[in-house]
Amino acid sequence: MTTENNKAKPGRSSLSRKRQRAARAKLIRRIALVTGTIVLALGLVGLGIWLLLDQKPEATIEVYPVAYEAMIRAHAAESGLDPAYPAAVILAESSYQPEAVSSANAQGLMQLLPDTAQWIAGKFDETYVEGCLFDPDTNIKYGCWYLGYLARRFGGNLACATAAYHAGQGRVDQWLSDPELSEDGLTLTRIPSEATDTYVKRVLRYYEKYMELYAMPEA
């Protein structure tokens, strides 16, 4: 009797283990199915957002503000610039905050230093007035003139012009004269300042987006 019971128990235990394994496998399949569905749904949402931003640039206006457009277009035209370029610089410099002031006392939308603005004012036969850089029209006028000047000075190379706007003309001249940084003395193969390199890449990235936004017909 004891022997028969001992023989019967392993059979029942083996059957129970098989059922447990089957139940676990079924549960794992359900979890995998649910997880896969969630991942697919998130992927589709992400794809939808990407398509929205790619196909409808106007959907990015909160990230890339289109403010002071008439002023930017007018002063960019006077300075021979694509308006998308100063628009990109404004975003990088002040995020479109006309009262912005940096730790170096750069002021306004395009973050011009008072000394630089005073020099630019002379080019317009105007007298620099303290605080005028907080006026959007004046700031954009002077900033566009300066960008146009830099673009011409560096042969239309916007990377060099943008680097000069950030680091100064003399610094860019030094970099261009260094064979390790410039192969032809006209273009920069590498910008040694991490801060300026990051700034230039940011402005040129914004510039591409603003070219799309400024190309859209006005509502």
C-alpha atoms as a PDB file:
ATOM      1  CA  MET A   1       0.000   0.000   0.000  1.00  0.00           C
ATOM      2  CA  THR A   2       2.809   2.402   0.906  1.00  0.00           C
ATOM      3  CA  THR A   3       4.696   1.428  -2.208  1.00  0.00           C
ATOM      4  CA  GLU A   4       1.706   2.123  -4.470  1.00  0.00           C
ATOM      5  CA  ASN A   5       1.145   5.530  -2.909  1.00  0.00           C
ATOM      6  CA  ASN A   6       4.817   6.438  -3.352  1.00  0.00           C
ATOM      7  CA  LYS A   7       4.597   5.482  -7.015  1.00  0.00           C
ATOM      8  CA  ALA A   8       1.405   7.517  -7.545  1.00  0.00           C
ATOM      9  CA  LYS A   9       2.638  10.757  -5.964  1.00  0.00           C
ATOM     10  CA  PRO A  10       5.437  11.529  -8.473  1.00  0.00           C
ATOM     11  CA  GLY A  11       2.899  11.287 -11.293  1.00  0.00           C
ATOM     12  CA  ARG A  12       0.554  13.815  -9.729  1.00  0.00           C
ATOM     13  CA  SER A  13       3.480  16.096  -8.849  1.00  0.00           C
ATOM     14  CA  SER A  14       4.786  15.935 -12.409  1.00  0.00           C
ATOM     15  CA  LEU A  15       1.339  16.798 -13.789  1.00  0.00           C
ATOM     16  CA  SER A  16       1.054  19.746 -11.384  1.00  0.00           C
ATOM     17  CA  ARG A  17       4.446  21.075 -12.463  1.00  0.00           C
ATOM     18  CA  LYS A  18       3.460  20.848 -16.128  1.00  0.00           C
ATOM     19  CA  ARG A  19       0.288  22.812 -15.418  1.00  0.00           C
ATOM     20  CA  GLN A  20       2.277  25.441 -13.527  1.00  0.00           C
ATOM     21  CA  ARG A  21       4.768  25.764 -16.385  1.00  0.00           C
ATOM     22  CA  ALA A  22       1.938  26.077 -18.882  1.00  0.00           C
ATOM     23  CA  ALA A  23       0.250  28.750 -16.760  1.00  0.00           C
ATOM     24  CA  ARG A  24       3.500  30.686 -16.439  1.00  0.00           C
ATOM     25  CA  ALA A  25       4.137  30.484 -20.166  1.00  0.00           C
ATOM     26  CA  LYS A  26       0.612  31.732 -20.854  1.00  0.00           C
ATOM     27  CA  LEU A  27       1.107  34.617 -18.417  1.00  0.00           C
ATOM     28  CA  ILE A  28       4.447  35.547 -20.037  1.00  0.00           C
ATOM     29  CA  ARG A  29       2.815  35.558 -23.483  1.00  0.00           C
ATOM     30  CA  ARG A  30       0.057  37.866 -22.195  1.00  0.00           C
ATOM     31  CA  ILE A  31       2.603  40.242 -20.608  1.00  0.00           C
ATOM     32  CA  ALA A  32       4.661  40.297 -23.817  1.00  0.00           C
ATOM     33  CA  LEU A  33       1.529  41.010 -25.845  1.00  0.00           C
ATOM     34  CA  VAL A  34       0.476  43.873 -23.573  1.00  0.00           C
ATOM     35  CA  THR A  35       4.010  45.306 -23.479  1.00  0.00           C
ATOM     36  CA  GLY A  36       4.315  45.093 -27.246  1.00  0.00           C
ATOM     37  CA  THR A  37       0.983  46.859 -27.667  1.00  0.00           C
ATOM     38  CA  ILE A  38       2.087  49.681 -25.353  1.00  0.00           C
ATOM     39  CA  VAL A  39       5.434  50.081 -27.137  1.00  0.00           C
ATOM     40  CA  LEU A  40       3.679  50.138 -30.511  1.00  0.00           C
ATOM     41  CA  ALA A  41       1.198  52.739 -29.294  1.00  0.00           C
ATOM     42  CA  LEU A  42       3.962  54.965 -27.934  1.00  0.00           C
ATOM     43  CA  GLY A  43       5.862  54.566 -31.168  1.00  0.00           C
ATOM     44  CA  LEU A  44       2.847  55.602 -33.203  1.00  0.00           C
ATOM     45  CA  VAL A  45       2.292  58.638 -30.976  1.00  0.00           C
ATOM     46  CA  GLY A  46       5.925  59.631 -31.383  1.00  0.00           C
ATOM     47  CA  LEU A  47       5.721  59.132 -35.123  1.00  0.00           C
ATOM     48  CA  GLY A  48       2.577  61.239 -35.256  1.00  0.00           C
ATOM     49  CA  ILE A  49       4.264  64.077 -33.373  1.00  0.00           C
ATOM     50  CA  TRP A  50       7.313  63.881 -35.635  1.00  0.00           C
ATOM     51  CA  LEU A  51       5.168  63.958 -38.736  1.00  0.00           C
ATOM     52  CA  LEU A  52       3.208  66.920 -37.372  1.00  0.00           C
ATOM     53  CA  LEU A  53       6.360  68.913 -36.738  1.00  0.00           C
ATOM     54  CA  ASP A  54       7.901  67.874 -40.025  1.00  0.00           C
ATOM     55  CA  GLN A  55       4.897  68.488 -42.223  1.00  0.00           C
ATOM     56  CA  LYS A  56       3.487  71.528 -40.403  1.00  0.00           C
ATOM     57  CA  PRO A  57       6.256  73.909 -39.322  1.00  0.00           C
ATOM     58  CA  GLU A  58       3.648  76.230 -37.832  1.00  0.00           C
ATOM     59  CA  ALA A  59       3.170  73.655 -35.083  1.00  0.00           C
ATOM     60  CA  THR A  60       6.611  74.570 -33.741  1.00  0.00           C
ATOM     61  CA  ILE A  61       5.896  78.278 -33.230  1.00  0.00           C
ATOM     62  CA  GLU A  62       5.859  77.879 -29.450  1.00  0.00           C
ATOM     63  CA  VAL A  63       9.436  76.587 -29.655  1.00  0.00           C
ATOM     64  CA  TYR A  64      10.468  78.901 -32.492  1.00  0.00           C
ATOM     65  CA  PRO A  65       8.581  82.163 -31.896  1.00  0.00           C
ATOM     66  CA  VAL A  66       7.670  84.303 -34.881  1.00  0.00           C
ATOM     67  CA  ALA A  67       7.647  87.702 -33.175  1.00  0.00           C
ATOM     68  CA  TYR A  68       8.715  91.135 -34.422  1.00  0.00           C
ATOM     69  CA  GLU A  69       8.475  89.646 -37.897  1.00  0.00           C
ATOM     70  CA  ALA A  70       7.841  92.918 -39.740  1.00  0.00           C
ATOM     71  CA  MET A  71      10.828  94.568 -38.043  1.00  0.00           C
ATOM     72  CA  ILE A  72      13.073  91.593 -38.707  1.00  0.00           C
ATOM     73  CA  ARG A  73      12.084  91.403 -42.370  1.00  0.00           C
ATOM     74  CA  ALA A  74      12.572  95.141 -42.906  1.00  0.00           C
ATOM     75  CA  HIS A  75      15.956  95.462 -41.196  1.00  0.00           C
ATOM     76  CA  ALA A  76      17.225  92.169 -42.624  1.00  0.00           C
ATOM     77  CA  ALA A  77      16.420  93.407 -46.128  1.00  0.00           C
ATOM     78  CA  GLU A  78      18.274  96.669 -45.446  1.00  0.00           C
ATOM     79  CA  SER A  79      21.321  94.665 -44.362  1.00  0.00           C
ATOM     80  CA  GLY A  80      21.172  92.105 -47.177  1.00  0.00           C
ATOM     81  CA  LEU A  81      20.221  89.214 -44.913  1.00  0.00           C
ATOM     82  CA  ASP A  82      17.771  86.367 -45.092  1.00  0.00           C
ATOM     83  CA  PRO A  83      15.347  87.331 -42.275  1.00  0.00           C
ATOM     84  CA  ALA A  84      15.522  83.794 -40.935  1.00  0.00           C
ATOM     85  CA  TYR A  85      19.135  84.421 -39.902  1.00  0.00           C
ATOM     86  CA  PRO A  86      18.581  87.299 -37.433  1.00  0.00           C
ATOM     87  CA  ALA A  87      15.436  85.517 -36.258  1.00  0.00           C
ATOM     88  CA  ALA A  88      17.633  82.547 -35.333  1.00  0.00           C
ATOM     89  CA  VAL A  89      20.177  84.777 -33.599  1.00  0.00           C
ATOM     90  CA  ILE A  90      17.432  86.423 -31.534  1.00  0.00           C
ATOM     91  CA  LEU A  91      16.192  83.037 -30.350  1.00  0.00           C
ATOM     92  CA  ALA A  92      19.705  81.935 -29.406  1.00  0.00           C
ATOM     93  CA  GLU A  93      20.567  85.217 -27.721  1.00  0.00           C
ATOM     94  CA  SER A  94      17.469  86.225 -25.758  1.00  0.00           C
ATOM     95  CA  SER A  95      14.645  83.792 -26.545  1.00  0.00           C
ATOM     96  CA  TYR A  96      12.740  86.850 -27.827  1.00  0.00           C
ATOM     97  CA  GLN A  97      12.858  88.677 -24.506  1.00  0.00           C
ATOM     98  CA  PRO A  98      13.373  92.406 -25.295  1.00  0.00           C
ATOM     99  CA  GLU A  99      14.375  93.260 -21.705  1.00  0.00           C
ATOM    100  CA  ALA A 100      17.071  90.572 -21.491  1.00  0.00           C
ATOM    101  CA  VAL A 101      20.434  91.580 -19.996  1.00  0.00           C
ATOM    102  CA  SER A 102      23.434  89.261 -19.811  1.00  0.00           C
ATOM    103  CA  SER A 103      26.100  89.073 -17.127  1.00  0.00           C
ATOM    104  CA  ALA A 104      28.360  90.997 -19.556  1.00  0.00           C
ATOM    105  CA  ASN A 105      25.676  93.712 -19.931  1.00  0.00           C
ATOM    106  CA  ALA A 106      24.664  92.651 -23.446  1.00  0.00           C
ATOM    107  CA  GLN A 107      21.159  94.016 -23.888  1.00  0.00           C
ATOM    108  CA  GLY A 108      17.884  93.389 -25.632  1.00  0.00           C
ATOM    109  CA  LEU A 109      16.686  90.953 -28.246  1.00  0.00           C
ATOM    110  CA  MET A 110      20.005  90.529 -30.044  1.00  0.00           C
ATOM    111  CA  GLN A 111      22.118  91.000 -26.902  1.00  0.00           C
ATOM    112  CA  LEU A 112      24.288  93.846 -28.143  1.00  0.00           C
ATOM    113  CA  LEU A 113      26.915  95.416 -25.919  1.00  0.00           C
ATOM    114  CA  PRO A 114      26.491  99.183 -25.433  1.00  0.00           C
ATOM    115  CA  ASP A 115      29.985  99.859 -26.858  1.00  0.00           C
ATOM    116  CA  THR A 116      29.163  97.885 -29.987  1.00  0.00           C
ATOM    117  CA  ALA A 117      25.788  99.587 -30.293  1.00  0.00           C
ATOM    118  CA  GLN A 118      27.421 102.998 -29.960  1.00  0.00           C
ATOM    119  CA  TRP A 119      29.778 102.137 -32.829  1.00  0.00           C
ATOM    120  CA  ILE A 120      26.860 100.894 -34.953  1.00  0.00           C
ATOM    121  CA  ALA A 121      24.786 103.991 -34.162  1.00  0.00           C
ATOM    122  CA  GLY A 122      27.569 106.059 -35.700  1.00  0.00           C
ATOM    123  CA  LYS A 123      27.175 104.135 -38.943  1.00  0.00           C
ATOM    124  CA  PHE A 124      23.620 105.464 -39.095  1.00  0.00           C
ATOM    125  CA  ASP A 125      24.723 108.979 -38.094  1.00  0.00           C
ATOM    126  CA  GLU A 126      22.724 108.501 -34.923  1.00  0.00           C
ATOM    127  CA  THR A 127      23.585 109.297 -31.336  1.00  0.00           C
ATOM    128  CA  TYR A 128      23.571 106.281 -29.047  1.00  0.00           C
ATOM    129  CA  VAL A 129      21.180 106.796 -26.145  1.00  0.00           C
ATOM    130  CA  GLU A 130      21.504 104.682 -23.031  1.00  0.00           C
ATOM    131  CA  GLY A 131      18.626 102.207 -22.821  1.00  0.00           C
ATOM    132  CA  CYS A 132      17.823 102.321 -26.535  1.00  0.00           C
ATOM    133  CA  LEU A 133      18.745  98.655 -26.926  1.00  0.00           C
ATOM    134  CA  PHE A 134      15.613  97.694 -25.016  1.00  0.00           C
ATOM    135  CA  ASP A 135      13.572  99.137 -27.876  1.00  0.00           C
ATOM    136  CA  PRO A 136      12.943  96.145 -30.194  1.00  0.00           C
ATOM    137  CA  ASP A 137      13.096  98.163 -33.404  1.00  0.00           C
ATOM    138  CA  THR A 138      16.410  99.810 -32.524  1.00  0.00           C
ATOM    139  CA  ASN A 139      17.905  96.573 -31.264  1.00  0.00           C
ATOM    140  CA  ILE A 140      16.913  94.619 -34.373  1.00  0.00           C
ATOM    141  CA  LYS A 141      18.079  97.455 -36.638  1.00  0.00           C
ATOM    142  CA  TYR A 142      21.532  97.558 -35.045  1.00  0.00           C
ATOM    143  CA  GLY A 143      21.757  93.777 -34.709  1.00  0.00           C
ATOM    144  CA  CYS A 144      20.878  93.161 -38.347  1.00  0.00           C
ATOM    145  CA  TRP A 145      23.388  95.770 -39.472  1.00  0.00           C
ATOM    146  CA  TYR A 146      26.087  94.069 -37.413  1.00  0.00           C
ATOM    147  CA  LEU A 147      25.213  90.607 -38.735  1.00  0.00           C
ATOM    148  CA  GLY A 148      25.270  91.936 -42.284  1.00  0.00           C
ATOM    149  CA  TYR A 149      28.649  93.559 -41.654  1.00  0.00           C
ATOM    150  CA  LEU A 150      30.065  90.305 -40.265  1.00  0.00           C
ATOM    151  CA  ALA A 151      28.598  88.230 -43.097  1.00  0.00           C
ATOM    152  CA  ARG A 152      30.291  90.477 -45.670  1.00  0.00           C
ATOM    153  CA  ARG A 153      33.535  90.611 -43.700  1.00  0.00           C
ATOM    154  CA  PHE A 154      33.757  86.814 -43.685  1.00  0.00           C
ATOM    155  CA  GLY A 155      32.797  86.336 -47.328  1.00  0.00           C
ATOM    156  CA  GLY A 156      29.235  85.237 -46.694  1.00  0.00           C
ATOM    157  CA  ASN A 157      30.298  82.362 -44.441  1.00  0.00           C
ATOM    158  CA  LEU A 158      27.564  82.320 -41.812  1.00  0.00           C
ATOM    159  CA  ALA A 159      29.457  79.968 -39.530  1.00  0.00           C
ATOM    160  CA  CYS A 160      32.333  82.442 -39.300  1.00  0.00           C
ATOM    161  CA  ALA A 161      29.983  85.424 -39.023  1.00  0.00           C
ATOM    162  CA  THR A 162      28.035  83.723 -36.249  1.00  0.00           C
ATOM    163  CA  ALA A 163      31.227  82.757 -34.435  1.00  0.00           C
ATOM    164  CA  ALA A 164      32.382  86.389 -34.649  1.00  0.00           C
ATOM    165  CA  TYR A 165      29.037  87.599 -33.298  1.00  0.00           C
ATOM    166  CA  HIS A 166      29.596  85.358 -30.279  1.00  0.00           C
ATOM    167  CA  ALA A 167      33.356  85.454 -29.726  1.00  0.00           C
ATOM    168  CA  GLY A 168      34.466  88.602 -31.537  1.00  0.00           C
ATOM    169  CA  GLN A 169      35.983  89.338 -34.934  1.00  0.00           C
ATOM    170  CA  GLY A 170      39.575  89.238 -33.712  1.00  0.00           C
ATOM    171  CA  ARG A 171      39.148  85.785 -32.211  1.00  0.00           C
ATOM    172  CA  VAL A 172      37.767  84.399 -35.465  1.00  0.00           C
ATOM    173  CA  ASP A 173      40.630  86.020 -37.387  1.00  0.00           C
ATOM    174  CA  GLN A 174      43.066  84.169 -35.110  1.00  0.00           C
ATOM    175  CA  TRP A 175      41.288  80.875 -35.684  1.00  0.00           C
ATOM    176  CA  LEU A 176      41.282  81.354 -39.459  1.00  0.00           C
ATOM    177  CA  SER A 177      45.021  81.985 -39.416  1.00  0.00           C
ATOM    178  CA  ASP A 178      45.648  78.684 -37.626  1.00  0.00           C
ATOM    179  CA  PRO A 179      46.207  75.821 -40.133  1.00  0.00           C
ATOM    180  CA  GLU A 180      44.921  73.350 -37.550  1.00  0.00           C
ATOM    181  CA  LEU A 181      41.584  75.154 -37.465  1.00  0.00           C
ATOM    182  CA  SER A 182      41.269  76.377 -41.050  1.00  0.00           C
ATOM    183  CA  GLU A 183      42.673  74.753 -44.173  1.00  0.00           C
ATOM    184  CA  ASP A 184      42.070  77.728 -46.466  1.00  0.00           C
ATOM    185  CA  GLY A 185      42.032  80.710 -44.115  1.00  0.00           C
ATOM    186  CA  LEU A 186      38.425  81.392 -45.105  1.00  0.00           C
ATOM    187  CA  THR A 187      36.398  78.657 -43.434  1.00  0.00           C
ATOM    188  CA  LEU A 188      36.676  77.025 -40.042  1.00  0.00           C
ATOM    189  CA  THR A 189      37.115  73.277 -39.991  1.00  0.00           C
ATOM    190  CA  ARG A 190      36.980  73.348 -36.205  1.00  0.00           C
ATOM    191  CA  ILE A 191      36.008  75.927 -33.598  1.00  0.00           C
ATOM    192  CA  PRO A 192      38.288  75.500 -30.574  1.00  0.00           C
ATOM    193  CA  SER A 193      35.923  77.219 -28.138  1.00  0.00           C
ATOM    194  CA  GLU A 194      33.269  74.767 -26.973  1.00  0.00           C
ATOM    195  CA  ALA A 195      30.898  77.591 -26.050  1.00  0.00           C
ATOM    196  CA  THR A 196      31.223  79.271 -29.449  1.00  0.00           C
ATOM    197  CA  ASP A 197      31.018  75.968 -31.304  1.00  0.00           C
ATOM    198  CA  THR A 198      27.791  75.102 -29.465  1.00  0.00           C
ATOM    199  CA  TYR A 199      26.408  78.581 -30.148  1.00  0.00           C
ATOM    200  CA  VAL A 200      27.166  78.430 -33.880  1.00  0.00           C
ATOM    201  CA  LYS A 201      25.582  75.010 -34.252  1.00  0.00           C
ATOM    202  CA  ARG A 202      22.512  76.185 -32.343  1.00  0.00           C
ATOM    203  CA  VAL A 203      22.059  79.316 -34.469  1.00  0.00           C
ATOM    204  CA  LEU A 204      22.470  77.439 -37.744  1.00  0.00           C
ATOM    205  CA  ARG A 205      20.002  74.802 -36.574  1.00  0.00           C
ATOM    206  CA  TYR A 206      17.496  77.517 -35.673  1.00  0.00           C
ATOM    207  CA  TYR A 207      18.193  79.183 -39.009  1.00  0.00           C
ATOM    208  CA  GLU A 208      17.046  76.075 -40.894  1.00  0.00           C
ATOM    209  CA  LYS A 209      13.777  76.030 -38.957  1.00  0.00           C
ATOM    210  CA  TYR A 210      13.167  79.756 -39.407  1.00  0.00           C
ATOM    211  CA  MET A 211      13.724  79.420 -43.145  1.00  0.00           C
ATOM    212  CA  GLU A 212      10.702  77.100 -43.115  1.00  0.00           C
ATOM    213  CA  LEU A 213       8.638  79.380 -40.894  1.00  0.00           C
ATOM    214  CA  TYR A 214       9.454  82.570 -42.791  1.00  0.00           C
ATOM    215  CA  ALA A 215       8.686  80.851 -46.092  1.00  0.00           C
ATOM    216  CA  MET A 216       5.117  80.154 -44.950  1.00  0.00           C
ATOM    217  CA  PRO A 217       2.447  82.513 -46.306  1.00  0.00           C
ATOM    218  CA  GLU A 218       1.233  84.963 -43.709  1.00  0.00           C
ATOM    219  CA  ALA A 219      -2.164  84.156 -42.230  1.00  0.00           C
END
